[in-house]
């Protein structure tokens, strides 16, 4: 059958949301590498980061913070960002690495029943809206990581200013700020 005669596929919002989480994870890894580059002055550590996974990148950033070059308030802000990144990594893994049964019955999450993996890992049900919100969290986290890294390093240089935190109601990376990161749970 020629490609032009192929019937259009129905869009699946659930799978699109899983894809958005996957892409957000790749963008987060890029931001973690950038943060590491701004706080680490060790070329070997930065070289190892090129092939590192998310959890390794978080550990590399934490290691870079121990060298005493960054002032304590900068360390605190960056550490909070790294904790948020680690929580996202855990939630992402539960979504992206879940195995779904072949038999689909229903639509959305009801139609894709997570199946226990050989290792005993089980995904918890999550809605499309929750996944979209999680991807939005990453967009905000990436902005916060850039700001924290800038303010801790380049923002201290003469002639360069620090970047203020966004205010509620502003848009960052296409996401409306509802609360400042300091007030989030």
Protein backbone atom coordinates (compact mmCIF):
# COMPACT_ATOMS: atom_id res chain seq x y z
CA UNK A 1 0.00 0.00 0.00
CA UNK A 2 1.55 3.36 -0.99
CA UNK A 3 2.19 5.84 1.80
CA UNK A 4 -0.36 8.27 0.41
CA UNK A 5 -3.10 5.69 0.94
CA UNK A 6 -2.11 5.01 4.55
CA UNK A 7 -4.94 5.91 6.89
CA UNK A 8 -4.23 8.72 9.33
CA UNK A 9 -3.30 7.56 12.79
CA UNK A 10 -5.38 8.71 15.65
CA UNK A 11 -3.47 10.94 18.04
CA UNK A 12 -3.08 9.49 21.51
CA UNK A 13 -2.80 12.21 24.18
CA UNK A 14 -1.46 9.70 26.73
CA UNK A 15 1.46 8.65 24.54
CA UNK A 16 2.10 12.27 23.55
CA UNK A 17 2.36 13.15 27.26
CA UNK A 18 4.83 10.29 27.81
CA UNK A 19 6.83 11.67 24.88
CA UNK A 20 6.77 15.15 26.39
CA UNK A 21 8.15 13.74 29.67
CA UNK A 22 10.90 11.98 27.71
CA UNK A 23 11.85 15.16 25.87
CA UNK A 24 11.73 17.17 29.11
CA UNK A 25 14.17 14.67 30.61
CA UNK A 26 16.60 15.20 27.73
CA UNK A 27 16.30 18.97 28.13
CA UNK A 28 16.92 18.61 31.87
CA UNK A 29 20.10 16.61 31.19
CA UNK A 30 21.27 19.40 28.89
CA UNK A 31 20.57 21.97 31.60
CA UNK A 32 22.40 19.87 34.20
CA UNK A 33 25.45 19.74 31.92
CA UNK A 34 25.26 23.52 31.48
CA UNK A 35 24.94 24.04 35.23
CA UNK A 36 27.93 21.78 35.79
CA UNK A 37 29.91 23.80 33.26
CA UNK A 38 29.13 27.01 35.11
CA UNK A 39 30.00 25.75 38.60
CA UNK A 40 32.79 23.22 37.94
CA UNK A 41 36.25 24.33 37.06
CA UNK A 42 37.48 20.79 36.53
CA UNK A 43 37.77 19.77 32.86
CA UNK A 44 37.84 16.04 33.64
CA UNK A 45 34.52 16.22 35.49
CA UNK A 46 32.95 18.15 32.61
CA UNK A 47 34.33 15.59 30.14
CA UNK A 48 32.75 12.71 32.08
CA UNK A 49 29.44 14.59 32.07
CA UNK A 50 29.13 14.24 28.29
CA UNK A 51 28.08 10.59 28.57
CA UNK A 52 26.54 10.73 32.05
CA UNK A 53 22.98 9.82 32.99
CA UNK A 54 20.72 12.16 34.95
CA UNK A 55 21.59 10.72 38.36
CA UNK A 56 25.31 10.95 37.56
CA UNK A 57 24.94 14.55 36.38
CA UNK A 58 23.22 15.44 39.65
CA UNK A 59 26.08 13.80 41.60
CA UNK A 60 28.69 15.63 39.49
CA UNK A 61 26.98 18.95 40.23
CA UNK A 62 26.91 18.15 43.95
CA UNK A 63 30.58 17.22 43.80
CA UNK A 64 31.41 20.50 42.04
CA UNK A 65 29.69 22.41 44.85
CA UNK A 66 32.08 20.93 47.42
CA UNK A 67 35.18 22.72 46.10
CA UNK A 68 34.30 25.95 47.94
CA UNK A 69 34.30 28.30 44.93
CA UNK A 70 30.55 29.04 45.16
CA UNK A 71 29.27 31.14 48.07
CA UNK A 72 26.93 29.38 50.55
CA UNK A 73 23.71 31.08 49.36
CA UNK A 74 24.50 30.00 45.80
CA UNK A 75 25.20 26.46 46.99
CA UNK A 76 21.83 26.37 48.78
CA UNK A 77 19.90 27.53 45.71
CA UNK A 78 21.70 25.11 43.39
CA UNK A 79 21.21 22.25 45.87
CA UNK A 80 17.46 22.90 45.93
CA UNK A 81 17.41 22.74 42.12
CA UNK A 82 19.35 19.46 42.19
CA UNK A 83 16.87 18.00 44.67
CA UNK A 84 14.00 18.98 42.36
CA UNK A 85 15.86 17.41 39.43
CA UNK A 86 16.29 14.17 41.36
CA UNK A 87 12.57 14.05 42.26
CA UNK A 88 11.72 14.57 38.59
CA UNK A 89 14.16 11.81 37.57
CA UNK A 90 12.40 9.37 39.88
CA UNK A 91 8.92 10.31 38.60
CA UNK A 92 10.13 10.24 34.99
CA UNK A 93 11.51 6.73 35.44
CA UNK A 94 8.17 5.50 36.75
CA UNK A 95 6.46 6.83 33.63
CA UNK A 96 8.96 6.25 30.84
CA UNK A 97 10.29 2.87 31.95
CA UNK A 98 6.91 1.30 32.65
CA UNK A 99 5.87 -1.70 30.58
CA UNK A 100 2.29 -1.66 29.37
CA UNK A 101 0.19 -4.67 28.50
CA UNK A 102 -0.53 -5.50 24.88
CA UNK A 103 -4.29 -5.77 25.43
CA UNK A 104 -5.82 -2.35 25.41
CA UNK A 105 -9.27 -1.96 26.82
CA UNK A 106 -10.60 1.54 27.19
CA UNK A 107 -8.81 4.78 26.57
CA UNK A 108 -5.99 6.67 28.23
CA UNK A 109 -4.54 5.31 31.44
CA UNK A 110 -7.35 2.77 31.76
CA UNK A 111 -6.35 1.25 28.42
CA UNK A 112 -2.67 0.97 29.21
CA UNK A 113 -2.43 -1.13 32.33
CA UNK A 114 1.09 -1.17 33.76
CA UNK A 115 2.51 -4.66 34.08
CA UNK A 116 5.03 -5.68 36.73
CA UNK A 117 8.55 -5.88 35.36
CA UNK A 118 10.84 -8.80 36.10
CA UNK A 119 12.54 -6.68 38.77
CA UNK A 120 9.29 -6.06 40.57
CA UNK A 121 9.05 -2.44 39.44
CA UNK A 122 5.51 -1.12 39.06
CA UNK A 123 4.34 2.16 37.64
CA UNK A 124 1.65 4.09 39.43
CA UNK A 125 -1.31 5.37 37.42
CA UNK A 126 -0.87 8.92 36.19
CA UNK A 127 -3.11 11.11 34.10
CA UNK A 128 -2.24 13.06 30.98
CA UNK A 129 -2.77 16.27 32.94
CA UNK A 130 -0.33 15.17 35.65
CA UNK A 131 2.29 14.33 33.02
CA UNK A 132 1.78 17.69 31.31
CA UNK A 133 2.20 19.43 34.69
CA UNK A 134 5.38 17.41 35.32
CA UNK A 135 6.83 18.48 31.97
CA UNK A 136 5.95 22.10 32.84
CA UNK A 137 7.78 21.68 36.16
CA UNK A 138 10.90 20.77 34.22
CA UNK A 139 10.60 23.91 32.08
CA UNK A 140 10.52 25.98 35.27
CA UNK A 141 13.31 23.94 36.86
CA UNK A 142 15.56 24.51 33.84
CA UNK A 143 15.02 28.26 34.16
CA UNK A 144 15.73 28.12 37.91
CA UNK A 145 18.92 26.10 37.36
CA UNK A 146 20.19 28.60 34.81
CA UNK A 147 19.38 31.49 37.14
CA UNK A 148 21.01 29.77 40.15
CA UNK A 149 24.16 28.92 38.19
CA UNK A 150 24.39 32.43 36.74
CA UNK A 151 23.80 34.18 40.04
CA UNK A 152 26.38 31.99 41.81
CA UNK A 153 29.10 32.58 39.22
CA UNK A 154 28.84 35.07 36.36
CA UNK A 155 26.31 37.25 38.19
CA UNK A 156 29.02 38.08 40.73
CA UNK A 157 31.35 39.52 38.07
CA UNK A 158 31.73 43.30 37.85
CA UNK A 159 29.28 44.82 35.39
CA UNK A 160 27.06 41.74 35.27
CA UNK A 161 23.97 41.58 37.42
CA UNK A 162 22.09 38.76 38.99
CA UNK A 163 18.87 37.44 37.49
CA UNK A 164 15.83 37.93 39.72
CA UNK A 165 13.44 35.08 40.43
CA UNK A 166 10.26 35.20 38.34
CA UNK A 167 7.15 36.57 39.99
CA UNK A 168 3.77 34.84 40.12
CA UNK A 169 1.81 35.59 36.96
CA UNK A 170 4.90 35.82 34.71
CA UNK A 171 5.60 33.27 32.00
CA UNK A 172 8.85 31.30 31.92
CA UNK A 173 9.55 28.96 29.01
CA UNK A 174 5.86 29.14 28.11
CA UNK A 175 4.73 28.16 31.63
CA UNK A 176 2.84 30.58 33.86
CA UNK A 177 4.37 31.00 37.30
CA UNK A 178 1.80 30.22 39.98
CA UNK A 179 4.12 30.24 43.02
CA UNK A 180 7.80 30.94 43.48
CA UNK A 181 10.02 27.85 43.88
CA UNK A 182 10.66 28.81 47.52
CA UNK A 183 6.95 28.45 48.29
CA UNK A 184 6.47 25.15 46.44
CA UNK A 185 6.21 21.96 48.44
